[in-house]
Amino acid sequence: MSAKLRTELRGSAPVFAALGDETRLLLVARLCGGGPMSITRLASGTRVTRQAITKHLHVLGDAGLVRGFRRGRERLWEIETRRLLQARRSLELISREWDHALDRLRAVVESEA
């Protein structure tokens, strides 16, 4: 594993850990598609309580994926695209590492044939 990949993954591990929960992944998807939303709006149409949504949002916030802010008396949450882009770069690096490993394996198999 390259040093670049190791460094990138170290920074992205909290993001992937936070996204490892289905509810949090769905919250991120909703925020990506709908802009800033209140907890009430995020809980609407789900079986998840507002209290549970709040806890999940705090986990996502700790990972740098969302941020909360006040608009009047309402607290809204929005996605932090910078962290999602960092996670995407990490996945691209992993994909390249796999491609290189497969190329090396292919070369060994073809040289023995």
Protein backbone atom coordinates (compact mmCIF):
# COMPACT_ATOMS: atom_id res chain seq x y z
CA MET A 1 0.00 0.00 0.00
CA SER A 2 1.41 3.37 -0.96
CA ALA A 3 2.06 6.10 1.59
CA LYS A 4 -0.36 8.38 -0.28
CA LEU A 5 -3.15 5.82 -0.01
CA ARG A 6 -2.41 5.20 3.66
CA THR A 7 -2.58 8.94 4.43
CA GLU A 8 -5.77 9.39 2.42
CA LEU A 9 -7.48 6.43 4.08
CA ARG A 10 -6.50 7.60 7.55
CA GLY A 11 -8.32 10.88 6.89
CA SER A 12 -11.35 9.17 5.35
CA ALA A 13 -11.85 6.37 7.88
CA PRO A 14 -14.24 8.41 10.09
CA VAL A 15 -16.33 9.23 7.01
CA PHE A 16 -16.65 5.59 5.99
CA ALA A 17 -17.41 4.58 9.58
CA ALA A 18 -20.20 7.15 9.76
CA LEU A 19 -21.60 6.06 6.39
CA GLY A 20 -21.57 2.42 7.49
CA ASP A 21 -24.98 2.86 9.11
CA GLU A 22 -28.01 2.61 6.80
CA THR A 23 -29.93 5.40 8.54
CA ARG A 24 -26.98 7.79 8.31
CA LEU A 25 -26.40 6.87 4.69
CA LEU A 26 -30.05 7.66 3.93
CA LEU A 27 -29.78 10.99 5.77
CA VAL A 28 -26.77 11.93 3.65
CA ALA A 29 -28.64 10.95 0.49
CA ARG A 30 -31.64 13.08 1.50
CA LEU A 31 -29.44 16.06 2.30
CA CYS A 32 -27.58 15.70 -0.99
CA GLY A 33 -30.81 15.75 -2.94
CA GLY A 34 -32.85 18.23 -0.96
CA GLY A 35 -30.57 20.93 0.37
CA PRO A 36 -30.64 22.07 4.02
CA MET A 37 -33.35 20.41 6.10
CA SER A 38 -34.69 20.47 9.62
CA ILE A 39 -34.72 17.38 11.81
CA THR A 40 -38.51 17.31 11.52
CA ARG A 41 -38.30 17.28 7.74
CA LEU A 42 -35.55 14.63 7.77
CA ALA A 43 -37.67 12.40 10.03
CA SER A 44 -40.80 12.91 7.91
CA GLY A 45 -41.87 9.76 6.10
CA THR A 46 -39.56 7.52 8.10
CA ARG A 47 -40.00 5.33 11.16
CA VAL A 48 -37.04 7.02 12.82
CA THR A 49 -37.71 9.39 15.71
CA ARG A 50 -36.47 12.97 15.68
CA GLN A 51 -34.29 12.11 18.68
CA ALA A 52 -32.65 9.26 16.74
CA ILE A 53 -32.21 11.52 13.70
CA THR A 54 -30.48 14.06 15.94
CA LYS A 55 -28.05 11.43 17.24
CA HIS A 56 -27.27 10.26 13.72
CA LEU A 57 -26.72 13.84 12.56
CA HIS A 58 -24.23 14.39 15.38
CA VAL A 59 -22.28 11.29 14.31
CA LEU A 60 -22.27 12.60 10.72
CA GLY A 61 -21.25 16.02 12.00
CA ASP A 62 -18.35 14.56 14.00
CA ALA A 63 -17.15 12.91 10.78
CA GLY A 64 -17.38 16.26 8.99
CA LEU A 65 -20.15 15.13 6.64
CA VAL A 66 -22.87 17.54 7.76
CA ARG A 67 -23.13 20.80 9.61
CA GLY A 68 -25.98 22.33 11.52
CA PHE A 69 -26.85 26.02 11.54
CA ARG A 70 -29.66 28.25 12.75
CA ARG A 71 -32.08 30.03 10.46
CA GLY A 72 -34.41 32.00 12.67
CA ARG A 73 -35.68 29.66 15.35
CA GLU A 74 -35.10 26.58 13.23
CA ARG A 75 -31.95 24.45 13.16
CA LEU A 76 -31.13 23.18 9.70
CA TRP A 77 -28.61 20.61 8.57
CA GLU A 78 -26.70 20.53 5.31
CA ILE A 79 -24.15 18.32 3.64
CA GLU A 80 -20.43 19.14 3.70
CA THR A 81 -19.47 18.24 0.14
CA ARG A 82 -15.74 18.64 0.80
CA ARG A 83 -15.71 15.50 3.00
CA LEU A 84 -17.74 13.51 0.47
CA LEU A 85 -15.27 14.49 -2.23
CA GLN A 86 -12.40 13.37 -0.01
CA ALA A 87 -14.10 9.99 0.48
CA ARG A 88 -14.59 9.72 -3.27
CA ARG A 89 -10.88 10.38 -3.85
CA SER A 90 -10.07 7.65 -1.34
CA LEU A 91 -12.26 5.17 -3.21
CA GLU A 92 -10.61 6.16 -6.49
CA LEU A 93 -7.16 5.56 -4.98
CA ILE A 94 -8.27 2.14 -3.71
CA SER A 95 -9.64 1.33 -7.16
CA ARG A 96 -6.33 2.25 -8.78
CA GLU A 97 -4.44 0.09 -6.27
CA TRP A 98 -6.69 -2.86 -7.16
CA ASP A 99 -6.19 -2.21 -10.88
CA HIS A 100 -2.40 -2.26 -10.39
CA ALA A 101 -2.59 -5.46 -8.32
CA LEU A 102 -4.72 -7.15 -10.99
CA ASP A 103 -2.32 -6.01 -13.72
CA ARG A 104 0.60 -7.52 -11.80
CA LEU A 105 -1.31 -10.77 -11.29
CA ARG A 106 -2.23 -10.88 -14.99
CA ALA A 107 1.42 -10.38 -15.97
CA VAL A 108 2.55 -13.23 -13.69
CA VAL A 109 -0.14 -15.62 -14.97
CA GLU A 110 0.56 -14.77 -18.62
CA SER A 111 4.32 -15.16 -18.15
CA GLU A 112 3.83 -18.66 -16.72
CA ALA A 113 1.50 -19.73 -19.53
